[in-house]
C-alpha atoms as a PDB file:
ATOM      1  CA  MET A   1     -13.857 -33.796 -60.141  1.00  0.00           C
ATOM      2  CA  GLU A   2     -11.168 -35.240 -62.295  1.00  0.00           C
ATOM      3  CA  ILE A   3      -7.740 -35.401 -60.919  1.00  0.00           C
ATOM      4  CA  ARG A   4      -5.329 -34.013 -63.331  1.00  0.00           C
ATOM      5  CA  SER A   5      -3.051 -32.087 -61.286  1.00  0.00           C
ATOM      6  CA  ILE A   6      -1.530 -32.927 -57.800  1.00  0.00           C
ATOM      7  CA  LEU A   7       0.409 -30.555 -55.557  1.00  0.00           C
ATOM      8  CA  VAL A   8       2.480 -32.360 -53.241  1.00  0.00           C
ATOM      9  CA  ASN A   9       4.113 -30.644 -50.105  1.00  0.00           C
ATOM     10  CA  VAL A  10       7.655 -31.871 -50.201  1.00  0.00           C
ATOM     11  CA  ASP A  11       9.622 -31.779 -46.859  1.00  0.00           C
ATOM     12  CA  ILE A  12      13.184 -30.269 -47.476  1.00  0.00           C
ATOM     13  CA  ALA A  13      14.608 -32.152 -44.740  1.00  0.00           C
ATOM     14  CA  THR A  14      13.354 -35.585 -45.668  1.00  0.00           C
ATOM     15  CA  PRO A  15      12.113 -35.563 -49.046  1.00  0.00           C
ATOM     16  CA  ASP A  16      11.374 -39.148 -49.338  1.00  0.00           C
ATOM     17  CA  SER A  17       8.198 -39.019 -47.380  1.00  0.00           C
ATOM     18  CA  ALA A  18       5.114 -40.776 -46.871  1.00  0.00           C
ATOM     19  CA  ALA A  19       3.495 -37.671 -48.698  1.00  0.00           C
ATOM     20  CA  LEU A  20       5.656 -37.848 -51.772  1.00  0.00           C
ATOM     21  CA  ARG A  21       5.336 -41.679 -52.047  1.00  0.00           C
ATOM     22  CA  TYR A  22       1.491 -41.274 -51.835  1.00  0.00           C
ATOM     23  CA  ALA A  23       1.586 -38.428 -54.169  1.00  0.00           C
ATOM     24  CA  ILE A  24       3.533 -40.523 -56.722  1.00  0.00           C
ATOM     25  CA  ASP A  25       1.582 -43.807 -56.197  1.00  0.00           C
ATOM     26  CA  LEU A  26      -1.659 -41.528 -56.789  1.00  0.00           C
ATOM     27  CA  ALA A  27      -0.323 -39.669 -59.809  1.00  0.00           C
ATOM     28  CA  SER A  28       0.377 -43.222 -61.568  1.00  0.00           C
ATOM     29  CA  GLN A  29      -3.025 -44.360 -61.054  1.00  0.00           C
ATOM     30  CA  THR A  30      -4.669 -41.425 -61.948  1.00  0.00           C
ATOM     31  CA  GLY A  31      -2.288 -40.382 -65.017  1.00  0.00           C
ATOM     32  CA  ALA A  32      -1.970 -37.010 -63.271  1.00  0.00           C
ATOM     33  CA  SER A  33       0.967 -34.650 -63.276  1.00  0.00           C
ATOM     34  CA  LEU A  34       2.865 -33.914 -60.370  1.00  0.00           C
ATOM     35  CA  LEU A  35       3.871 -30.484 -59.032  1.00  0.00           C
ATOM     36  CA  GLY A  36       6.285 -30.889 -56.083  1.00  0.00           C
ATOM     37  CA  LEU A  37       6.556 -27.931 -53.914  1.00  0.00           C
ATOM     38  CA  ALA A  38       9.185 -27.130 -51.079  1.00  0.00           C
ATOM     39  CA  ALA A  39       9.528 -23.996 -49.042  1.00  0.00           C
ATOM     40  CA  ASP A  40      11.038 -22.854 -45.598  1.00  0.00           C
ATOM     41  CA  GLN A  41      12.206 -19.734 -44.285  1.00  0.00           C
ATOM     42  CA  PRO A  42      14.708 -18.199 -41.688  1.00  0.00           C
ATOM     43  CA  ASN A  43      13.064 -18.135 -38.240  1.00  0.00           C
ATOM     44  CA  ILE A  44      14.673 -15.051 -36.639  1.00  0.00           C
ATOM     45  CA  ALA A  45      13.380 -13.472 -33.518  1.00  0.00           C
ATOM     46  CA  TYR A  46      13.774  -9.768 -32.646  1.00  0.00           C
ATOM     47  CA  ALA A  47      17.206  -9.316 -30.968  1.00  0.00           C
ATOM     48  CA  GLY A  48      16.859  -5.878 -29.474  1.00  0.00           C
ATOM     49  CA  TRP A  49      18.517  -2.515 -30.377  1.00  0.00           C
ATOM     50  CA  GLY A  50      22.150  -2.513 -31.619  1.00  0.00           C
ATOM     51  CA  ALA A  51      21.723  -6.589 -32.793  1.00  0.00           C
ATOM     52  CA  GLU A  52      20.888  -5.728 -36.117  1.00  0.00           C
ATOM     53  CA  ALA A  53      24.033  -6.979 -37.712  1.00  0.00           C
ATOM     54  CA  ALA A  54      24.139 -10.284 -35.630  1.00  0.00           C
ATOM     55  CA  VAL A  55      20.705 -10.897 -36.706  1.00  0.00           C
ATOM     56  CA  LEU A  56      21.560 -10.435 -40.669  1.00  0.00           C
ATOM     57  CA  ASP A  57      24.335 -12.759 -40.027  1.00  0.00           C
ATOM     58  CA  VAL A  58      22.177 -15.409 -38.710  1.00  0.00           C
ATOM     59  CA  TYR A  59      19.386 -14.569 -41.472  1.00  0.00           C
ATOM     60  CA  SER A  60      22.047 -15.356 -44.403  1.00  0.00           C
ATOM     61  CA  LEU A  61      23.538 -18.327 -42.749  1.00  0.00           C
ATOM     62  CA  GLU A  62      19.938 -19.788 -42.336  1.00  0.00           C
ATOM     63  CA  ARG A  63      19.023 -18.596 -45.801  1.00  0.00           C
ATOM     64  CA  ALA A  64      21.871 -20.254 -47.431  1.00  0.00           C
ATOM     65  CA  GLU A  65      21.256 -23.467 -45.698  1.00  0.00           C
ATOM     66  CA  ILE A  66      17.367 -23.416 -46.844  1.00  0.00           C
ATOM     67  CA  GLU A  67      18.701 -22.744 -50.144  1.00  0.00           C
ATOM     68  CA  ALA A  68      21.177 -25.826 -50.324  1.00  0.00           C
ATOM     69  CA  GLN A  69      18.249 -28.022 -48.682  1.00  0.00           C
ATOM     70  CA  LEU A  70      15.859 -26.858 -51.534  1.00  0.00           C
ATOM     71  CA  GLN A  71      18.549 -27.794 -54.091  1.00  0.00           C
ATOM     72  CA  GLN A  72      18.776 -31.066 -52.608  1.00  0.00           C
ATOM     73  CA  ALA A  73      15.317 -31.595 -52.298  1.00  0.00           C
ATOM     74  CA  GLU A  74      14.638 -30.799 -56.058  1.00  0.00           C
ATOM     75  CA  SER A  75      17.379 -33.603 -56.875  1.00  0.00           C
ATOM     76  CA  ALA A  76      15.491 -35.941 -54.729  1.00  0.00           C
ATOM     77  CA  PHE A  77      12.308 -35.140 -56.195  1.00  0.00           C
ATOM     78  CA  GLY A  78      13.465 -35.844 -59.625  1.00  0.00           C
ATOM     79  CA  ALA A  79      15.133 -39.010 -58.494  1.00  0.00           C
ATOM     80  CA  LEU A  80      12.116 -40.476 -57.030  1.00  0.00           C
ATOM     81  CA  VAL A  81       9.324 -39.363 -59.383  1.00  0.00           C
ATOM     82  CA  PRO A  82       9.074 -41.954 -62.372  1.00  0.00           C
ATOM     83  CA  ALA A  83       9.912 -40.507 -65.797  1.00  0.00           C
ATOM     84  CA  ALA A  84       6.533 -41.376 -66.827  1.00  0.00           C
ATOM     85  CA  ILE A  85       4.716 -39.045 -64.794  1.00  0.00           C
ATOM     86  CA  SER A  86       4.862 -35.362 -65.818  1.00  0.00           C
ATOM     87  CA  ARG A  87       6.397 -33.313 -63.226  1.00  0.00           C
ATOM     88  CA  GLN A  88       7.380 -29.853 -62.125  1.00  0.00           C
ATOM     89  CA  TRP A  89       9.108 -28.285 -59.253  1.00  0.00           C
ATOM     90  CA  ARG A  90       8.963 -25.213 -57.396  1.00  0.00           C
ATOM     91  CA  GLY A  91      11.310 -24.257 -54.342  1.00  0.00           C
ATOM     92  CA  TYR A  92      10.916 -21.044 -52.179  1.00  0.00           C
ATOM     93  CA  VAL A  93      12.594 -19.257 -49.272  1.00  0.00           C
ATOM     94  CA  SER A  94       9.437 -18.378 -47.782  1.00  0.00           C
ATOM     95  CA  ASP A  95       6.322 -19.297 -45.741  1.00  0.00           C
ATOM     96  CA  ARG A  96       5.400 -22.979 -46.402  1.00  0.00           C
ATOM     97  CA  THR A  97       1.648 -22.903 -45.975  1.00  0.00           C
ATOM     98  CA  GLY A  98       1.533 -19.321 -47.776  1.00  0.00           C
ATOM     99  CA  ALA A  99       3.621 -20.807 -50.834  1.00  0.00           C
ATOM    100  CA  LEU A 100       1.401 -24.161 -50.936  1.00  0.00           C
ATOM    101  CA  THR A 101      -1.937 -22.009 -50.995  1.00  0.00           C
ATOM    102  CA  ALA A 102      -0.686 -19.826 -53.473  1.00  0.00           C
ATOM    103  CA  ALA A 103       0.521 -23.030 -56.018  1.00  0.00           C
ATOM    104  CA  ALA A 104      -2.855 -24.602 -55.157  1.00  0.00           C
ATOM    105  CA  VAL A 105      -4.432 -22.403 -58.076  1.00  0.00           C
ATOM    106  CA  ALA A 106      -2.744 -24.978 -60.487  1.00  0.00           C
ATOM    107  CA  ALA A 107      -3.783 -28.305 -58.871  1.00  0.00           C
ATOM    108  CA  ASP A 108      -6.764 -30.276 -58.410  1.00  0.00           C
ATOM    109  CA  LEU A 109      -5.652 -31.833 -55.118  1.00  0.00           C
ATOM    110  CA  ILE A 110      -3.198 -30.899 -52.593  1.00  0.00           C
ATOM    111  CA  VAL A 111      -1.094 -33.918 -50.788  1.00  0.00           C
ATOM    112  CA  THR A 112       0.568 -33.007 -47.386  1.00  0.00           C
ATOM    113  CA  ALA A 113       1.650 -34.933 -44.479  1.00  0.00           C
ATOM    114  CA  SER A 114       0.541 -35.184 -40.738  1.00  0.00           C
ATOM    115  CA  VAL A 115       2.794 -33.402 -38.287  1.00  0.00           C
ATOM    116  CA  THR A 116       5.305 -35.469 -36.324  1.00  0.00           C
ATOM    117  CA  SER A 117       7.088 -35.021 -33.196  1.00  0.00           C
ATOM    118  CA  ALA A 118      10.502 -34.828 -35.701  1.00  0.00           C
ATOM    119  CA  ALA A 119       8.920 -32.101 -37.893  1.00  0.00           C
ATOM    120  CA  LEU A 120       8.926 -29.996 -34.705  1.00  0.00           C
ATOM    121  CA  GLN A 121      12.725 -29.572 -34.963  1.00  0.00           C
ATOM    122  CA  GLN A 122      12.478 -27.913 -38.264  1.00  0.00           C
ATOM    123  CA  ARG A 123      12.054 -24.130 -38.507  1.00  0.00           C
ATOM    124  CA  GLN A 124       8.390 -24.496 -39.337  1.00  0.00           C
ATOM    125  CA  VAL A 125       5.394 -27.024 -40.290  1.00  0.00           C
ATOM    126  CA  THR A 126       2.666 -26.603 -42.513  1.00  0.00           C
ATOM    127  CA  ASP A 127      -0.584 -25.328 -41.043  1.00  0.00           C
ATOM    128  CA  LEU A 128      -3.068 -27.799 -42.239  1.00  0.00           C
ATOM    129  CA  GLY A 129      -6.153 -25.660 -41.088  1.00  0.00           C
ATOM    130  CA  SER A 130      -4.994 -22.562 -42.850  1.00  0.00           C
ATOM    131  CA  LEU A 131      -4.128 -24.841 -45.882  1.00  0.00           C
ATOM    132  CA  VAL A 132      -7.830 -26.401 -46.025  1.00  0.00           C
ATOM    133  CA  LEU A 133      -9.334 -23.149 -45.322  1.00  0.00           C
ATOM    134  CA  ALA A 134      -7.462 -20.696 -47.858  1.00  0.00           C
ATOM    135  CA  SER A 135      -6.389 -22.976 -50.835  1.00  0.00           C
ATOM    136  CA  GLY A 136      -9.874 -23.545 -52.278  1.00  0.00           C
ATOM    137  CA  ARG A 137      -8.699 -27.326 -52.793  1.00  0.00           C
ATOM    138  CA  PRO A 138      -9.448 -30.597 -51.290  1.00  0.00           C
ATOM    139  CA  VAL A 139      -6.182 -31.587 -48.828  1.00  0.00           C
ATOM    140  CA  ILE A 140      -5.141 -35.190 -48.518  1.00  0.00           C
ATOM    141  CA  ASP A 141      -3.348 -35.355 -45.112  1.00  0.00           C
ATOM    142  CA  VAL A 142      -1.058 -38.411 -45.408  1.00  0.00           C
ATOM    143  CA  ALA A 143      -0.488 -40.439 -42.346  1.00  0.00           C
ATOM    144  CA  SER A 144       2.994 -41.110 -41.404  1.00  0.00           C
ATOM    145  CA  THR A 145       2.510 -44.981 -42.010  1.00  0.00           C
ATOM    146  CA  ALA A 146       1.109 -44.660 -45.488  1.00  0.00           C
ATOM    147  CA  ALA A 147       2.950 -46.575 -48.017  1.00  0.00           C
ATOM    148  CA  SER A 148       0.742 -46.366 -50.935  1.00  0.00           C
ATOM    149  CA  ALA A 149      -2.749 -44.695 -52.055  1.00  0.00           C
ATOM    150  CA  LYS A 150      -5.059 -47.003 -51.507  1.00  0.00           C
ATOM    151  CA  PHE A 151      -8.869 -46.680 -51.712  1.00  0.00           C
ATOM    152  CA  ASP A 152     -10.412 -50.103 -50.815  1.00  0.00           C
ATOM    153  CA  ARG A 153     -12.317 -48.799 -47.770  1.00  0.00           C
ATOM    154  CA  ILE A 154     -13.542 -45.242 -47.141  1.00  0.00           C
ATOM    155  CA  VAL A 155     -14.991 -43.888 -44.375  1.00  0.00           C
ATOM    156  CA  ILE A 156     -17.123 -40.524 -44.824  1.00  0.00           C
ATOM    157  CA  GLY A 157     -17.473 -38.346 -41.532  1.00  0.00           C
ATOM    158  CA  TRP A 158     -20.717 -37.008 -42.157  1.00  0.00           C
ATOM    159  CA  LYS A 159     -22.517 -34.020 -40.772  1.00  0.00           C
ATOM    160  CA  ASP A 160     -25.005 -32.222 -43.090  1.00  0.00           C
ATOM    161  CA  THR A 161     -23.385 -29.071 -43.687  1.00  0.00           C
ATOM    162  CA  ARG A 162     -22.093 -27.459 -46.674  1.00  0.00           C
ATOM    163  CA  GLU A 163     -18.627 -28.255 -45.965  1.00  0.00           C
ATOM    164  CA  ALA A 164     -19.271 -32.010 -45.498  1.00  0.00           C
ATOM    165  CA  ARG A 165     -21.270 -32.148 -48.748  1.00  0.00           C
ATOM    166  CA  ARG A 166     -18.382 -30.310 -50.535  1.00  0.00           C
ATOM    167  CA  ALA A 167     -15.896 -32.868 -49.058  1.00  0.00           C
ATOM    168  CA  VAL A 168     -17.849 -35.907 -50.421  1.00  0.00           C
ATOM    169  CA  ALA A 169     -18.237 -34.218 -53.857  1.00  0.00           C
ATOM    170  CA  ASP A 170     -14.315 -33.644 -54.055  1.00  0.00           C
ATOM    171  CA  ALA A 171     -13.908 -37.488 -52.829  1.00  0.00           C
ATOM    172  CA  LEU A 172     -16.009 -38.546 -55.756  1.00  0.00           C
ATOM    173  CA  PRO A 173     -12.948 -39.955 -57.429  1.00  0.00           C
ATOM    174  CA  PHE A 174     -11.702 -42.116 -54.595  1.00  0.00           C
ATOM    175  CA  LEU A 175     -14.854 -43.092 -53.352  1.00  0.00           C
ATOM    176  CA  LYS A 176     -15.653 -44.723 -57.023  1.00  0.00           C
ATOM    177  CA  LEU A 177     -12.458 -46.684 -56.430  1.00  0.00           C
ATOM    178  CA  ALA A 178     -13.490 -48.230 -53.080  1.00  0.00           C
ATOM    179  CA  ARG A 179     -14.829 -51.602 -52.327  1.00  0.00           C
ATOM    180  CA  GLU A 180     -16.502 -50.550 -49.307  1.00  0.00           C
ATOM    181  CA  VAL A 181     -18.093 -47.115 -48.198  1.00  0.00           C
ATOM    182  CA  VAL A 182     -19.399 -46.270 -44.862  1.00  0.00           C
ATOM    183  CA  ALA A 183     -20.708 -43.000 -43.977  1.00  0.00           C
ATOM    184  CA  LEU A 184     -20.553 -42.101 -40.199  1.00  0.00           C
ATOM    185  CA  THR A 185     -22.565 -39.653 -38.187  1.00  0.00           C
ATOM    186  CA  VAL A 186     -21.746 -38.873 -34.469  1.00  0.00           C
ATOM    187  CA  THR A 187     -25.106 -38.040 -32.750  1.00  0.00           C
ATOM    188  CA  GLU A 188     -25.943 -34.640 -31.299  1.00  0.00           C
ATOM    189  CA  GLY A 189     -29.210 -35.986 -30.255  1.00  0.00           C
ATOM    190  CA  ASP A 190     -31.515 -35.610 -33.143  1.00  0.00           C
ATOM    191  CA  THR A 191     -30.856 -39.187 -34.426  1.00  0.00           C
ATOM    192  CA  VAL A 192     -34.326 -39.316 -36.449  1.00  0.00           C
ATOM    193  CA  ALA A 193     -33.030 -36.131 -38.591  1.00  0.00           C
ATOM    194  CA  GLU A 194     -29.110 -37.622 -38.725  1.00  0.00           C
ATOM    195  CA  ARG A 195     -30.555 -40.767 -40.158  1.00  0.00           C
ATOM    196  CA  ALA A 196     -32.643 -39.129 -42.597  1.00  0.00           C
ATOM    197  CA  SER A 197     -29.535 -37.133 -43.874  1.00  0.00           C
ATOM    198  CA  LEU A 198     -27.530 -40.116 -43.968  1.00  0.00           C
ATOM    199  CA  ASP A 199     -30.392 -41.676 -46.315  1.00  0.00           C
ATOM    200  CA  GLY A 200     -30.138 -38.707 -48.577  1.00  0.00           C
ATOM    201  CA  LEU A 201     -26.293 -39.070 -48.551  1.00  0.00           C
ATOM    202  CA  LEU A 202     -26.610 -42.679 -49.406  1.00  0.00           C
ATOM    203  CA  ALA A 203     -29.138 -42.132 -52.334  1.00  0.00           C
ATOM    204  CA  TRP A 204     -26.789 -39.365 -53.965  1.00  0.00           C
ATOM    205  CA  LEU A 205     -24.017 -41.879 -53.938  1.00  0.00           C
ATOM    206  CA  LYS A 206     -26.132 -44.349 -55.158  1.00  0.00           C
ATOM    207  CA  ALA A 207     -26.802 -42.086 -58.187  1.00  0.00           C
ATOM    208  CA  HIS A 208     -22.958 -41.981 -58.625  1.00  0.00           C
ATOM    209  CA  GLY A 209     -22.817 -45.825 -58.819  1.00  0.00           C
ATOM    210  CA  ILE A 210     -21.435 -45.968 -55.311  1.00  0.00           C
ATOM    211  CA  ALA A 211     -23.129 -48.262 -52.910  1.00  0.00           C
ATOM    212  CA  ALA A 212     -22.479 -47.477 -49.301  1.00  0.00           C
ATOM    213  CA  ARG A 213     -23.835 -48.188 -45.703  1.00  0.00           C
ATOM    214  CA  SER A 214     -24.095 -45.986 -42.910  1.00  0.00           C
ATOM    215  CA  ASP A 215     -24.549 -45.699 -38.936  1.00  0.00           C
ATOM    216  CA  VAL A 216     -25.312 -43.084 -36.190  1.00  0.00           C
ATOM    217  CA  LEU A 217     -22.694 -43.203 -33.612  1.00  0.00           C
ATOM    218  CA  SER A 218     -23.301 -42.383 -30.023  1.00  0.00           C
ATOM    219  CA  ASN A 219     -21.041 -39.664 -28.425  1.00  0.00           C
ATOM    220  CA  PRO A 220     -19.330 -40.986 -25.222  1.00  0.00           C
ATOM    221  CA  GLY A 221     -15.746 -39.510 -25.746  1.00  0.00           C
ATOM    222  CA  GLY A 222     -16.038 -36.521 -28.209  1.00  0.00           C
ATOM    223  CA  TYR A 223     -16.833 -36.027 -31.697  1.00  0.00           C
ATOM    224  CA  ALA A 224     -13.382 -36.368 -33.108  1.00  0.00           C
ATOM    225  CA  ASP A 225     -12.238 -39.403 -30.853  1.00  0.00           C
ATOM    226  CA  VAL A 226     -15.446 -41.072 -31.844  1.00  0.00           C
ATOM    227  CA  LEU A 227     -15.277 -40.695 -35.484  1.00  0.00           C
ATOM    228  CA  GLU A 228     -11.338 -41.362 -35.453  1.00  0.00           C
ATOM    229  CA  SER A 229     -11.635 -44.680 -33.469  1.00  0.00           C
ATOM    230  CA  ASN A 230     -14.467 -45.968 -35.800  1.00  0.00           C
ATOM    231  CA  ALA A 231     -12.470 -45.194 -38.781  1.00  0.00           C
ATOM    232  CA  LEU A 232      -9.591 -46.991 -37.565  1.00  0.00           C
ATOM    233  CA  SER A 233     -11.524 -50.012 -36.445  1.00  0.00           C
ATOM    234  CA  LEU A 234     -12.927 -50.293 -39.710  1.00  0.00           C
ATOM    235  CA  GLY A 235      -9.527 -50.360 -41.365  1.00  0.00           C
ATOM    236  CA  ALA A 236     -10.315 -47.195 -43.329  1.00  0.00           C
ATOM    237  CA  ASP A 237      -7.769 -46.233 -46.177  1.00  0.00           C
ATOM    238  CA  LEU A 238      -9.345 -42.624 -46.311  1.00  0.00           C
ATOM    239  CA  LEU A 239     -11.422 -40.736 -43.950  1.00  0.00           C
ATOM    240  CA  VAL A 240     -13.354 -37.871 -45.844  1.00  0.00           C
ATOM    241  CA  ILE A 241     -14.316 -34.956 -43.463  1.00  0.00           C
ATOM    242  CA  GLY A 242     -15.678 -31.296 -44.211  1.00  0.00           C
ATOM    243  CA  GLY A 243     -13.672 -28.500 -42.609  1.00  0.00           C
ATOM    244  CA  TYR A 244     -16.630 -26.932 -41.027  1.00  0.00           C
ATOM    245  CA  GLY A 245     -17.311 -24.886 -37.835  1.00  0.00           C
ATOM    246  CA  HIS A 246     -18.174 -27.388 -35.111  1.00  0.00           C
ATOM    247  CA  SER A 247     -15.749 -26.442 -32.221  1.00  0.00           C
ATOM    248  CA  ARG A 248     -14.438 -30.047 -31.305  1.00  0.00           C
ATOM    249  CA  MET A 249     -13.958 -30.734 -35.146  1.00  0.00           C
ATOM    250  CA  ARG A 250     -12.178 -27.436 -35.533  1.00  0.00           C
ATOM    251  CA  GLU A 251     -10.014 -28.077 -32.226  1.00  0.00           C
ATOM    252  CA  TRP A 252      -9.261 -31.529 -33.906  1.00  0.00           C
ATOM    253  CA  LEU A 253      -8.215 -30.519 -37.570  1.00  0.00           C
ATOM    254  CA  PHE A 254      -7.155 -26.837 -37.042  1.00  0.00           C
ATOM    255  CA  GLY A 255      -5.882 -26.639 -33.512  1.00  0.00           C
ATOM    256  CA  GLY A 256      -2.216 -26.493 -34.421  1.00  0.00           C
ATOM    257  CA  VAL A 257       0.165 -29.593 -33.830  1.00  0.00           C
ATOM    258  CA  THR A 258      -0.818 -30.896 -30.730  1.00  0.00           C
ATOM    259  CA  ARG A 259      -2.739 -33.900 -31.316  1.00  0.00           C
ATOM    260  CA  SER A 260      -0.589 -35.074 -34.053  1.00  0.00           C
ATOM    261  CA  VAL A 261       2.214 -35.061 -31.790  1.00  0.00           C
ATOM    262  CA  LEU A 262       0.170 -36.666 -28.787  1.00  0.00           C
ATOM    263  CA  ALA A 263      -1.255 -39.118 -30.772  1.00  0.00           C
ATOM    264  CA  ALA A 264       0.349 -40.347 -34.099  1.00  0.00           C
ATOM    265  CA  ASN A 265      -2.020 -39.988 -37.022  1.00  0.00           C
ATOM    266  CA  THR A 266      -2.430 -43.370 -38.819  1.00  0.00           C
ATOM    267  CA  LEU A 267      -5.357 -42.472 -40.720  1.00  0.00           C
ATOM    268  CA  ASN A 268      -5.250 -40.552 -44.403  1.00  0.00           C
ATOM    269  CA  ARG A 269      -7.736 -37.818 -44.168  1.00  0.00           C
ATOM    270  CA  LEU A 270      -9.451 -35.890 -47.058  1.00  0.00           C
ATOM    271  CA  LEU A 271     -10.243 -32.513 -46.003  1.00  0.00           C
ATOM    272  CA  SER A 272     -12.137 -30.017 -47.935  1.00  0.00           C
ATOM    273  CA  ASN A 273     -13.821 -26.518 -46.909  1.00  0.00           C
END
């Protein structure tokens, strides 16, 4: 896959975010165009019979505030993206995840940001799980600490499934840039089959000019914790994972905001389904 168009999720409250900086750097490296998108919608709860007028007033006020923020975000996007990068802007008063999913038809890659506790103060946050599952595009979930798009060391979280194979194929442009690639499997008991699967993956990577090494990890603390802690200890610039149906992995990736808030994500993750 060649990266020619990047869709970036722009936070209307803080446009100059890690995700946008990462996307700008990646576009500069690849020559890709950049499509900035921001979206939010009023958060109006049903107030009961007779309260329609009050609800409409609040809705109108919140919508006006969002429209003003969208204009500010567009201005910031235009100022932050270098003139050398081809760029477009889209701003919507709508569900953010749905808007990103719809716009993904025009992109090769989506760049978004991990949820932080500050983001919870906003009206809504992006549903990362739904975005990965519905967009049909690989998603890079940028850590809040990311300063640039680096790919020196990439870790592949491997389980021999369709989704994991898809994720590795989608990550191929980045894997070719890496100085070191490590494929890790968290064992589920059949280490012989797991090592054979890793050997097959390494052979496929080698055919694409990518030298990699592999390891099968024991599983004392849960699939996600083991994979994440090992990627961190290796100093991974990117963790590549398939959004498959393993219950613990789904809880980690698609279980809402709890994990990201309780343990701030310091890993950039490429997720694909």
